[in-house]
Amino acid sequence: MYIIPAIDIIDGKCVRLTQGDYAQKIVYNESPLDVAKEFEAQGIKRLHLVDLDGAKSKHIVNHTVLKEITSNTSLQVDFGGGIKTDEDIRLAFENGAHQITAGSIAIKSPETVLKWLEQFGAGKIILGADVKDETIAVNGWQEKSSMNLFDFLESYVIHGIQYVICTDISKDGMMKGPAFELYKKILDRFPELKLIASGGVSSVEDLGRLTELGLYGVIVGKAIYEGRIDLSRLNNE
């Protein structure tokens, strides 16, 4: 299972939110590049980079940060936040993204995401499923949709989606453990998915349980920044 650190960006800085609330913002580092280089030095291969300004503005904002990281590290970066148009996805890939995460756009304009799947291939598009009570949330978690999680996943699995990041918003930033039951339920129904957990990871024990469930990867944010998980002691080969 891949350990995938998260860097969330507001105003070009590395921050973390709690439960997607922009009012609950902690700035961890002025330089996302320095943070990314530190992750790379600790053996990390992949990075989850989120443009929170972009998510709020509904178009990519911090593409220069993406470029800095991809130009100065060997990390495989999946990039999300504000990717709404063909121009946005082109900008992400031109600035070095290995994959992009399609979140709100996948609910609001599925035809666009299906076109991208065909154009760029299933290996390049990650479906972002942000969930509260098994219902999809959109626009940086500012809105709750009426779409059931499992119906949402089904609608993309039939079109060849392979990668899914699932974030349980109620767990995010709370450091009380991830949504184990939800992930088991997803994998029982869609065993072929490369499912990436996100939200609530607080310990190495959490990582062990997710590995046992058969997840492809896990995104870790606050637990790294607050010293609960020491990346240098994990094997990321």
Protein backbone atom coordinates (compact mmCIF):
# COMPACT_ATOMS: atom_id res chain seq x y z
CA MET A 1 0.00 0.00 0.00
CA TYR A 2 1.30 3.43 -0.93
CA ILE A 3 1.67 6.05 1.78
CA ILE A 4 0.76 9.31 0.01
CA PRO A 5 1.41 12.50 1.96
CA ALA A 6 -0.90 15.43 1.33
CA ILE A 7 0.05 19.02 0.72
CA ASP A 8 -2.90 21.41 0.71
CA ILE A 9 -2.23 24.87 -0.68
CA ILE A 10 -3.75 28.23 0.20
CA ASP A 11 -1.97 31.42 -0.92
CA GLY A 12 1.00 29.31 -2.04
CA LYS A 13 1.52 27.92 1.49
CA CYS A 14 1.22 24.42 2.92
CA VAL A 15 -1.86 24.31 5.16
CA ARG A 16 -4.32 21.87 6.69
CA LEU A 17 -8.04 22.34 7.21
CA THR A 18 -10.30 20.50 9.64
CA GLN A 19 -13.35 18.90 8.00
CA GLY A 20 -12.86 21.10 4.95
CA ASP A 21 -13.51 24.29 6.90
CA TYR A 22 -11.48 27.19 5.48
CA ALA A 23 -11.93 29.02 8.81
CA GLN A 24 -10.07 26.19 10.58
CA LYS A 25 -6.77 26.67 8.76
CA ILE A 26 -3.30 25.93 10.10
CA VAL A 27 -0.26 27.03 8.08
CA TYR A 28 2.42 24.35 8.45
CA ASN A 29 5.03 25.68 6.06
CA GLU A 30 5.49 28.72 3.84
CA SER A 31 7.16 26.53 1.17
CA PRO A 32 5.32 23.49 -0.22
CA LEU A 33 8.47 22.65 -2.21
CA ASP A 34 10.52 22.31 0.97
CA VAL A 35 7.85 19.99 2.40
CA ALA A 36 7.80 17.90 -0.80
CA LYS A 37 11.59 17.59 -0.81
CA GLU A 38 11.50 16.40 2.78
CA PHE A 39 8.93 13.74 1.86
CA GLU A 40 11.11 12.61 -1.04
CA ALA A 41 14.15 12.37 1.24
CA GLN A 42 12.14 10.07 3.51
CA GLY A 43 11.52 7.61 0.67
CA ILE A 44 8.08 8.77 -0.42
CA LYS A 45 7.21 8.15 -4.10
CA ARG A 46 3.80 9.80 -4.45
CA LEU A 47 2.26 13.09 -3.38
CA HIS A 48 -1.33 14.31 -3.15
CA LEU A 49 -1.35 18.04 -3.94
CA VAL A 50 -4.58 19.99 -3.44
CA ASP A 51 -5.17 23.53 -4.66
CA LEU A 52 -7.66 24.73 -2.04
CA ASP A 53 -7.76 28.19 -3.61
CA GLY A 54 -8.65 26.44 -6.85
CA ALA A 55 -11.38 24.36 -5.22
CA LYS A 56 -12.96 27.55 -3.89
CA SER A 57 -12.45 29.57 -7.10
CA LYS A 58 -13.56 26.70 -9.37
CA HIS A 59 -10.47 26.93 -11.55
CA ILE A 60 -6.78 26.09 -11.01
CA VAL A 61 -4.95 28.81 -9.05
CA ASN A 62 -1.71 27.34 -7.68
CA HIS A 63 -0.27 25.68 -10.80
CA THR A 64 3.10 27.35 -10.19
CA VAL A 65 3.45 25.39 -6.93
CA LEU A 66 2.73 22.20 -8.87
CA LYS A 67 5.42 23.12 -11.40
CA GLU A 68 7.96 23.87 -8.65
CA ILE A 69 7.43 20.47 -7.06
CA THR A 70 7.41 18.40 -10.24
CA SER A 71 10.46 20.23 -11.61
CA ASN A 72 12.52 19.82 -8.45
CA THR A 73 11.56 16.36 -7.17
CA SER A 74 10.91 12.92 -8.68
CA LEU A 75 7.58 12.58 -6.84
CA GLN A 76 4.57 11.35 -8.79
CA VAL A 77 2.04 14.07 -8.04
CA ASP A 78 -1.71 13.71 -8.21
CA PHE A 79 -3.21 17.18 -8.39
CA GLY A 80 -6.72 18.31 -7.56
CA GLY A 81 -8.71 21.39 -6.69
CA GLY A 82 -10.48 23.55 -9.24
CA ILE A 83 -10.07 21.29 -12.27
CA LYS A 84 -13.25 22.08 -14.16
CA THR A 85 -12.36 22.61 -17.82
CA ASP A 86 -10.18 21.25 -20.62
CA GLU A 87 -7.89 24.24 -20.02
CA ASP A 88 -7.54 23.31 -16.32
CA ILE A 89 -6.60 19.70 -17.01
CA ARG A 90 -4.18 20.78 -19.74
CA LEU A 91 -2.57 23.23 -17.29
CA ALA A 92 -2.22 20.49 -14.66
CA PHE A 93 -0.52 18.04 -17.00
CA GLU A 94 1.66 20.74 -18.59
CA ASN A 95 2.91 21.62 -15.10
CA GLY A 96 3.92 18.05 -14.38
CA ALA A 97 0.94 16.35 -12.73
CA HIS A 98 1.20 12.56 -13.02
CA GLN A 99 -2.55 12.24 -12.39
CA ILE A 100 -5.41 14.63 -11.71
CA THR A 101 -8.23 14.18 -9.23
CA ALA A 102 -11.71 14.89 -10.58
CA GLY A 103 -14.00 15.71 -7.66
CA SER A 104 -16.91 18.15 -7.98
CA ILE A 105 -16.69 18.11 -11.77
CA ALA A 106 -17.40 14.37 -11.74
CA ILE A 107 -20.79 15.09 -10.16
CA LYS A 108 -21.68 18.29 -11.96
CA SER A 109 -20.40 17.43 -15.44
CA PRO A 110 -19.87 13.67 -15.79
CA GLU A 111 -19.69 13.97 -19.58
CA THR A 112 -16.55 16.10 -19.18
CA VAL A 113 -14.83 13.52 -16.97
CA LEU A 114 -15.83 10.65 -19.25
CA LYS A 115 -14.30 12.60 -22.15
CA TRP A 116 -11.08 13.03 -20.15
CA LEU A 117 -11.04 9.31 -19.36
CA GLU A 118 -11.18 8.57 -23.06
CA GLN A 119 -8.69 11.29 -24.00
CA PHE A 120 -6.02 10.75 -21.31
CA GLY A 121 -6.66 7.15 -20.20
CA ALA A 122 -7.90 5.65 -16.95
CA GLY A 123 -4.40 5.72 -15.48
CA LYS A 124 -4.37 9.51 -15.50
CA ILE A 125 -7.72 10.29 -13.87
CA ILE A 126 -8.51 9.71 -10.19
CA LEU A 127 -12.14 9.94 -9.17
CA GLY A 128 -12.49 12.01 -6.01
CA ALA A 129 -15.34 10.81 -3.82
CA ASP A 130 -15.77 13.14 -0.84
CA VAL A 131 -18.44 11.64 1.37
CA LYS A 132 -20.66 12.50 4.30
CA ASP A 133 -23.15 9.85 5.43
CA GLU A 134 -22.49 7.94 2.17
CA THR A 135 -23.58 11.03 0.18
CA ILE A 136 -21.19 12.91 -2.13
CA ALA A 137 -20.09 16.44 -1.19
CA VAL A 138 -18.78 18.97 -3.72
CA ASN A 139 -16.90 22.27 -4.11
CA GLY A 140 -14.31 21.81 -1.39
CA TRP A 141 -17.01 20.23 0.83
CA GLN A 142 -18.97 23.46 0.85
CA GLU A 143 -22.05 21.72 -0.64
CA LYS A 144 -23.72 18.34 -0.18
CA SER A 145 -25.12 16.73 -3.32
CA SER A 146 -28.01 14.27 -3.57
CA MET A 147 -25.81 11.54 -5.09
CA ASN A 148 -25.32 8.29 -3.20
CA LEU A 149 -21.67 7.19 -3.02
CA PHE A 150 -22.23 3.70 -4.43
CA ASP A 151 -24.37 4.92 -7.33
CA PHE A 152 -21.66 7.49 -8.07
CA LEU A 153 -18.89 4.87 -8.10
CA GLU A 154 -20.96 2.50 -10.23
CA SER A 155 -21.55 5.22 -12.83
CA TYR A 156 -17.78 5.54 -13.36
CA VAL A 157 -16.66 1.94 -12.84
CA ILE A 158 -18.76 0.91 -15.84
CA HIS A 159 -16.77 3.44 -17.91
CA GLY A 160 -13.40 2.10 -16.80
CA ILE A 161 -12.37 4.27 -13.84
CA GLN A 162 -9.59 2.53 -11.90
CA TYR A 163 -8.42 4.98 -9.23
CA VAL A 164 -10.66 6.41 -6.51
CA ILE A 165 -9.79 8.63 -3.55
CA CYS A 166 -12.53 8.38 -0.95
CA THR A 167 -12.56 10.93 1.87
CA ASP A 168 -14.99 10.63 4.75
CA ILE A 169 -15.43 14.31 5.65
CA SER A 170 -16.56 13.48 9.19
CA LYS A 171 -13.14 11.90 9.81
CA ASP A 172 -10.92 14.44 8.06
CA GLY A 173 -8.51 16.26 10.31
CA MET A 174 -10.09 14.75 13.43
CA MET A 175 -7.23 12.28 14.09
CA LYS A 176 -9.69 9.64 15.28
CA GLY A 177 -9.07 6.94 12.69
CA PRO A 178 -10.27 6.47 9.12
CA ALA A 179 -13.59 5.08 7.83
CA PHE A 180 -12.59 1.40 7.88
CA GLU A 181 -16.14 0.09 7.53
CA LEU A 182 -16.85 2.35 4.56
CA TYR A 183 -13.69 1.26 2.74
CA LYS A 184 -14.47 -2.40 3.34
CA LYS A 185 -17.96 -1.86 1.96
CA ILE A 186 -16.57 -0.17 -1.17
CA LEU A 187 -14.00 -2.91 -1.83
CA ASP A 188 -16.57 -5.67 -1.23
CA ARG A 189 -18.69 -4.12 -3.97
CA PHE A 190 -15.87 -2.98 -6.29
CA PRO A 191 -12.89 -5.27 -5.59
CA GLU A 192 -11.12 -4.20 -8.79
CA LEU A 193 -10.80 -0.55 -7.71
CA LYS A 194 -7.45 0.96 -6.74
CA LEU A 195 -8.98 2.56 -3.67
CA ILE A 196 -7.11 5.29 -1.83
CA ALA A 197 -8.23 6.15 1.70
CA SER A 198 -8.23 9.73 2.94
CA GLY A 199 -9.22 11.32 6.22
CA GLY A 200 -8.70 10.50 9.87
CA VAL A 201 -5.44 8.54 9.73
CA SER A 202 -3.72 9.10 13.07
CA SER A 203 -1.31 6.21 13.68
CA VAL A 204 0.82 3.45 12.20
CA GLU A 205 -1.85 1.04 13.48
CA ASP A 206 -4.40 2.74 11.20
CA LEU A 207 -2.04 2.14 8.27
CA GLY A 208 -1.78 -1.53 9.17
CA ARG A 209 -5.56 -1.99 9.24
CA LEU A 210 -5.94 -0.26 5.88
CA THR A 211 -3.25 -2.51 4.40
CA GLU A 212 -5.14 -5.56 5.65
CA LEU A 213 -8.32 -4.30 3.98
CA GLY A 214 -6.49 -4.29 0.65
CA LEU A 215 -6.39 -0.58 -0.11
CA TYR A 216 -4.12 0.62 -2.91
CA GLY A 217 -2.98 3.70 -1.01
CA VAL A 218 -3.66 6.05 1.86
CA ILE A 219 -3.39 9.82 1.96
CA VAL A 220 -1.92 11.13 5.21
CA GLY A 221 -1.83 14.78 6.23
CA LYS A 222 -2.21 16.00 9.78
CA ALA A 223 -0.71 12.85 11.35
CA ILE A 224 2.57 13.56 9.53
CA TYR A 225 2.62 17.29 10.24
CA GLU A 226 1.89 16.74 13.93
CA GLY A 227 4.43 13.95 14.36
CA ARG A 228 2.04 11.03 14.89
CA ILE A 229 3.49 9.14 11.92
CA ASP A 230 7.23 9.15 11.16
CA LEU A 231 7.67 8.60 7.41
CA SER A 232 11.37 7.80 7.77
CA ARG A 233 10.41 4.63 9.66
CA LEU A 234 8.02 3.35 6.99
CA ASN A 235 8.99 1.32 3.95
CA ASN A 236 7.71 3.10 0.84
CA GLU A 237 9.25 0.86 -1.78
